[in-house]
Amino acid sequence: MAYKETKPDFAERSTRAVYVISVAAELAGVHPQTLRIYERKGLLDPARTGGGNRRYSEADIAHLRRIQELTTAGLNLEGVRQVMALENEIGRLRAELEMTRAAAREAIEQTHRLYRRDIVPVSANRLPTRRTTNG
C-alpha cells in the first residue's frame, strides 16, 4: 500500500502553535514584551512547551493583529478585552442561531414529508357524484 501524505486541514493548521515569541511579535508587528503584557492582561493565552516556552499559532497571530487594530483605533487594553469578549459572544450566538435555523428547516421538511404521505391524489372521474333529489 502506497504512503499518502495527509495535509492538515485549515482549522488544525491555524491552531497549531509553532511560532516562538520573537517570530510571533514580528508577524504581529509588536515588541515581544507587548505579547507578555497581553498575556498578563488575559488578552492572549499562548500554548506552552514542556519547558514552559510560549508557542503561538496562526490563530494567535490573527488575534494579536485584531488587538493591534483596536489599540490603534484608540481603545485601551480593557476596552480591547471587552470588545473581543463581545465579538466572541456574537460569533457564538450566530453559530447557535444557524444551528437553530437548520433544526427548524429540518423540522419543517419532516412535517412536509409527513403531509405527503397523508395526501392521496384522486382523479376527478373517481369522485362520487352528488345525487340531487327533486321534490
Protein backbone atom coordinates (compact mmCIF):
# COMPACT_ATOMS: atom_id res chain seq x y z
CA MET A 1 0.00 0.00 0.00
CA ALA A 2 1.42 3.37 -1.00
CA TYR A 3 2.05 6.01 1.63
CA LYS A 4 -0.18 9.02 1.21
CA GLU A 5 0.79 12.19 2.98
CA THR A 6 -2.20 13.88 4.52
CA LYS A 7 -2.23 17.62 4.81
CA PRO A 8 -3.74 19.04 7.99
CA ASP A 9 -6.94 20.95 7.45
CA PHE A 10 -7.08 24.73 7.87
CA ALA A 11 -8.52 24.60 11.39
CA GLU A 12 -5.70 22.33 12.53
CA ARG A 13 -3.05 24.46 10.83
CA SER A 14 -4.43 27.69 12.29
CA THR A 15 -4.35 26.36 15.85
CA ARG A 16 -1.02 24.53 15.74
CA ALA A 17 1.34 26.50 18.00
CA VAL A 18 4.64 26.74 16.14
CA TYR A 19 5.96 30.31 16.46
CA VAL A 20 8.33 31.39 19.22
CA ILE A 21 7.62 34.75 20.85
CA SER A 22 10.11 36.74 18.73
CA VAL A 23 8.65 35.44 15.46
CA ALA A 24 5.06 35.95 16.64
CA ALA A 25 5.88 39.50 17.70
CA GLU A 26 7.45 40.24 14.33
CA LEU A 27 4.49 38.76 12.43
CA ALA A 28 2.07 40.84 14.51
CA GLY A 29 4.20 43.98 14.29
CA VAL A 30 4.78 44.39 18.03
CA HIS A 31 7.61 44.02 20.53
CA PRO A 32 7.89 40.64 22.30
CA GLN A 33 7.34 42.39 25.65
CA THR A 34 3.96 43.53 24.34
CA LEU A 35 2.96 39.89 23.93
CA ARG A 36 3.91 39.21 27.54
CA ILE A 37 1.80 42.18 28.66
CA TYR A 38 -1.17 40.95 26.62
CA GLU A 39 -0.82 37.56 28.23
CA ARG A 40 -0.68 39.06 31.74
CA LYS A 41 -3.81 41.12 30.98
CA GLY A 42 -5.65 37.99 29.80
CA LEU A 43 -5.89 39.04 26.17
CA LEU A 44 -3.78 36.17 24.90
CA ASP A 45 -3.16 32.61 26.03
CA PRO A 46 -0.35 31.01 24.00
CA ALA A 47 0.45 27.32 24.18
CA ARG A 48 3.45 26.26 26.24
CA THR A 49 6.12 23.69 25.56
CA GLY A 50 7.10 21.14 28.18
CA GLY A 51 9.83 23.56 29.24
CA GLY A 52 7.37 26.45 29.60
CA ASN A 53 8.29 28.38 26.45
CA ARG A 54 5.48 30.20 24.68
CA ARG A 55 4.36 28.99 21.26
CA TYR A 56 1.97 30.93 19.06
CA SER A 57 -0.35 29.68 16.31
CA GLU A 58 -1.73 31.38 13.20
CA ALA A 59 -4.93 31.96 15.20
CA ASP A 60 -2.88 33.67 17.93
CA ILE A 61 -1.23 35.89 15.31
CA ALA A 62 -4.65 36.86 13.90
CA HIS A 63 -5.78 37.58 17.47
CA LEU A 64 -2.72 39.78 18.02
CA ARG A 65 -3.42 41.69 14.82
CA ARG A 66 -7.01 42.31 15.98
CA ILE A 67 -5.70 43.62 19.30
CA GLN A 68 -3.39 45.95 17.38
CA GLU A 69 -6.28 47.20 15.23
CA LEU A 70 -8.31 48.02 18.31
CA THR A 71 -5.49 49.72 20.21
CA THR A 72 -4.58 51.70 17.10
CA ALA A 73 -8.22 52.83 16.95
CA GLY A 74 -7.78 54.26 20.46
CA LEU A 75 -9.05 51.55 22.81
CA ASN A 76 -7.17 50.75 25.98
CA LEU A 77 -6.48 47.11 26.87
CA GLU A 78 -9.62 46.77 29.00
CA GLY A 79 -11.67 48.14 26.10
CA VAL A 80 -9.97 45.65 23.78
CA ARG A 81 -10.78 42.82 26.19
CA GLN A 82 -14.44 43.84 26.33
CA VAL A 83 -14.76 44.28 22.55
CA MET A 84 -13.15 40.90 21.93
CA ALA A 85 -15.40 39.24 24.51
CA LEU A 86 -18.43 40.75 22.76
CA GLU A 87 -17.13 39.63 19.35
CA ASN A 88 -16.71 36.09 20.68
CA GLU A 89 -20.24 36.17 22.12
CA ILE A 90 -21.63 37.40 18.80
CA GLY A 91 -19.82 34.58 16.99
CA ARG A 92 -21.19 32.02 19.45
CA LEU A 93 -24.72 33.41 19.12
CA ARG A 94 -24.51 33.43 15.31
CA ALA A 95 -23.44 29.78 15.33
CA GLU A 96 -26.28 28.94 17.73
CA LEU A 97 -28.76 30.84 15.54
CA GLU A 98 -27.59 28.96 12.44
CA MET A 99 -27.97 25.63 14.24
CA THR A 100 -31.47 26.65 15.33
CA ARG A 101 -32.38 27.69 11.79
CA ALA A 102 -31.08 24.39 10.43
CA ALA A 103 -33.10 22.46 13.02
CA ALA A 104 -36.22 24.49 12.14
CA ARG A 105 -35.70 23.84 8.41
CA GLU A 106 -35.35 20.12 9.12
CA ALA A 107 -38.50 20.12 11.27
CA ILE A 108 -40.44 21.87 8.51
CA GLU A 109 -39.15 19.43 5.89
CA GLN A 110 -40.05 16.50 8.13
CA THR A 111 -43.56 17.89 8.58
CA HIS A 112 -43.94 18.29 4.83
CA ARG A 113 -42.76 14.72 4.28
CA LEU A 114 -45.48 13.54 6.67
CA TYR A 115 -48.11 15.56 4.80
CA ARG A 116 -47.12 13.94 1.52
CA ARG A 117 -47.85 10.53 3.00
CA ASP A 118 -51.32 11.57 4.13
CA ILE A 119 -52.49 13.15 0.89
CA VAL A 120 -53.64 10.71 -1.74
CA PRO A 121 -54.30 12.12 -5.18
CA VAL A 122 -57.68 11.17 -6.63
CA SER A 123 -58.63 11.70 -10.23
CA ALA A 124 -61.77 13.69 -10.94
CA ASN A 125 -63.55 10.81 -12.67
CA ARG A 126 -63.31 8.70 -9.49
CA LEU A 127 -65.01 11.27 -7.28
CA PRO A 128 -68.53 10.39 -6.15
CA THR A 129 -71.23 12.44 -7.75
CA ARG A 130 -73.91 14.19 -5.79
CA ARG A 131 -77.35 12.99 -6.25
CA THR A 132 -79.91 15.64 -6.28
CA THR A 133 -83.48 14.94 -5.38
CA ASN A 134 -86.22 16.97 -6.85
CA GLY A 135 -89.29 17.23 -4.95
